[in-house]
């Protein structure tokens, strides 16, 4: 499954280190503004539980591309 968006994307380091737990990619978000860094951690954990993989890449639309591979 591939999901693309046209948002601002992520910092370069996020594409290499995408599996770090509780990482906030958007530094403007914190606990006070509603960010806990759990979203990607939860998504990675769900995909891993199903023996799949998840990669973050630059989208051709300009934002983030999330690629999820799940076995049949």
C-alpha atoms as a PDB file:
ATOM      1  CA  UNK A   1       0.000   0.000   0.000  1.00  0.00           C
ATOM      2  CA  UNK A   2       1.322   3.457  -0.867  1.00  0.00           C
ATOM      3  CA  UNK A   3      -0.038   6.655   0.646  1.00  0.00           C
ATOM      4  CA  UNK A   4       1.177  10.018  -0.709  1.00  0.00           C
ATOM      5  CA  UNK A   5       0.475  13.519   0.523  1.00  0.00           C
ATOM      6  CA  UNK A   6       1.369  16.994  -0.675  1.00  0.00           C
ATOM      7  CA  UNK A   7       2.219  18.412   2.754  1.00  0.00           C
ATOM      8  CA  UNK A   8       5.539  19.898   3.847  1.00  0.00           C
ATOM      9  CA  UNK A   9       7.245  16.488   4.098  1.00  0.00           C
ATOM     10  CA  UNK A  10       9.745  15.498   6.777  1.00  0.00           C
ATOM     11  CA  UNK A  11      13.303  16.477   7.659  1.00  0.00           C
ATOM     12  CA  UNK A  12      15.934  14.457   5.742  1.00  0.00           C
ATOM     13  CA  UNK A  13      16.934  12.531   8.874  1.00  0.00           C
ATOM     14  CA  UNK A  14      13.382  11.210   9.288  1.00  0.00           C
ATOM     15  CA  UNK A  15      13.569   9.228   6.047  1.00  0.00           C
ATOM     16  CA  UNK A  16      16.660   7.382   7.290  1.00  0.00           C
ATOM     17  CA  UNK A  17      15.580   6.945  10.938  1.00  0.00           C
ATOM     18  CA  UNK A  18      11.843   6.488  10.470  1.00  0.00           C
ATOM     19  CA  UNK A  19      11.431   3.639  12.960  1.00  0.00           C
ATOM     20  CA  UNK A  20      12.468   5.523  16.098  1.00  0.00           C
ATOM     21  CA  UNK A  21       9.872   5.363  18.839  1.00  0.00           C
ATOM     22  CA  UNK A  22       8.044   8.465  20.062  1.00  0.00           C
ATOM     23  CA  UNK A  23       9.770  10.769  17.608  1.00  0.00           C
ATOM     24  CA  UNK A  24       8.124  14.061  16.750  1.00  0.00           C
ATOM     25  CA  UNK A  25       8.891  14.849  13.129  1.00  0.00           C
ATOM     26  CA  UNK A  26       7.191  18.244  13.357  1.00  0.00           C
ATOM     27  CA  UNK A  27       9.107  20.205  15.997  1.00  0.00           C
ATOM     28  CA  UNK A  28       6.285  22.770  16.249  1.00  0.00           C
ATOM     29  CA  UNK A  29       4.051  20.118  17.832  1.00  0.00           C
ATOM     30  CA  UNK A  30       4.492  19.195  21.462  1.00  0.00           C
ATOM     31  CA  UNK A  31       2.332  17.851  24.266  1.00  0.00           C
ATOM     32  CA  UNK A  32       0.742  21.265  24.813  1.00  0.00           C
ATOM     33  CA  UNK A  33      -0.284  21.556  21.145  1.00  0.00           C
ATOM     34  CA  UNK A  34      -1.435  17.937  20.847  1.00  0.00           C
ATOM     35  CA  UNK A  35       1.629  16.013  19.661  1.00  0.00           C
ATOM     36  CA  UNK A  36       2.998  13.025  21.542  1.00  0.00           C
ATOM     37  CA  UNK A  37       5.102  11.347  18.855  1.00  0.00           C
ATOM     38  CA  UNK A  38       2.966   8.192  19.040  1.00  0.00           C
ATOM     39  CA  UNK A  39       1.376   8.152  15.570  1.00  0.00           C
ATOM     40  CA  UNK A  40       4.214   6.662  13.534  1.00  0.00           C
ATOM     41  CA  UNK A  41       5.300   4.434  16.418  1.00  0.00           C
ATOM     42  CA  UNK A  42       1.840   2.884  16.548  1.00  0.00           C
ATOM     43  CA  UNK A  43       1.699   2.463  12.767  1.00  0.00           C
ATOM     44  CA  UNK A  44       5.144   0.816  12.683  1.00  0.00           C
ATOM     45  CA  UNK A  45       4.159  -1.522  15.546  1.00  0.00           C
ATOM     46  CA  UNK A  46       0.941  -2.615  13.799  1.00  0.00           C
ATOM     47  CA  UNK A  47       2.746  -3.315  10.527  1.00  0.00           C
ATOM     48  CA  UNK A  48       5.527  -5.191  12.332  1.00  0.00           C
ATOM     49  CA  UNK A  49       2.957  -7.283  14.256  1.00  0.00           C
ATOM     50  CA  UNK A  50       1.622  -8.415  10.868  1.00  0.00           C
ATOM     51  CA  UNK A  51       5.156  -9.339   9.705  1.00  0.00           C
ATOM     52  CA  UNK A  52       5.316  -6.423   7.294  1.00  0.00           C
ATOM     53  CA  UNK A  53       7.509  -3.416   6.742  1.00  0.00           C
ATOM     54  CA  UNK A  54       6.896   0.309   6.547  1.00  0.00           C
ATOM     55  CA  UNK A  55       9.127   2.881   4.873  1.00  0.00           C
ATOM     56  CA  UNK A  56       8.946   6.648   4.717  1.00  0.00           C
ATOM     57  CA  UNK A  57      10.013   8.322   1.482  1.00  0.00           C
ATOM     58  CA  UNK A  58       9.653  11.621  -0.317  1.00  0.00           C
ATOM     59  CA  UNK A  59       6.405  11.779  -2.254  1.00  0.00           C
ATOM     60  CA  UNK A  60       6.300  12.880  -5.886  1.00  0.00           C
ATOM     61  CA  UNK A  61       3.540  15.225  -4.684  1.00  0.00           C
ATOM     62  CA  UNK A  62       6.079  17.043  -2.503  1.00  0.00           C
ATOM     63  CA  UNK A  63       5.200  15.659   0.904  1.00  0.00           C
ATOM     64  CA  UNK A  64       5.485  12.254   2.545  1.00  0.00           C
ATOM     65  CA  UNK A  65       5.102   8.835   0.919  1.00  0.00           C
ATOM     66  CA  UNK A  66       4.378   5.944   3.293  1.00  0.00           C
ATOM     67  CA  UNK A  67       4.996   2.522   1.774  1.00  0.00           C
ATOM     68  CA  UNK A  68       3.591  -0.477   3.646  1.00  0.00           C
ATOM     69  CA  UNK A  69       4.416  -4.047   2.596  1.00  0.00           C
ATOM     70  CA  UNK A  70       2.346  -6.843   4.129  1.00  0.00           C
ATOM     71  CA  UNK A  71       2.752 -10.542   3.336  1.00  0.00           C
ATOM     72  CA  UNK A  72      -0.092 -12.422   1.700  1.00  0.00           C
END
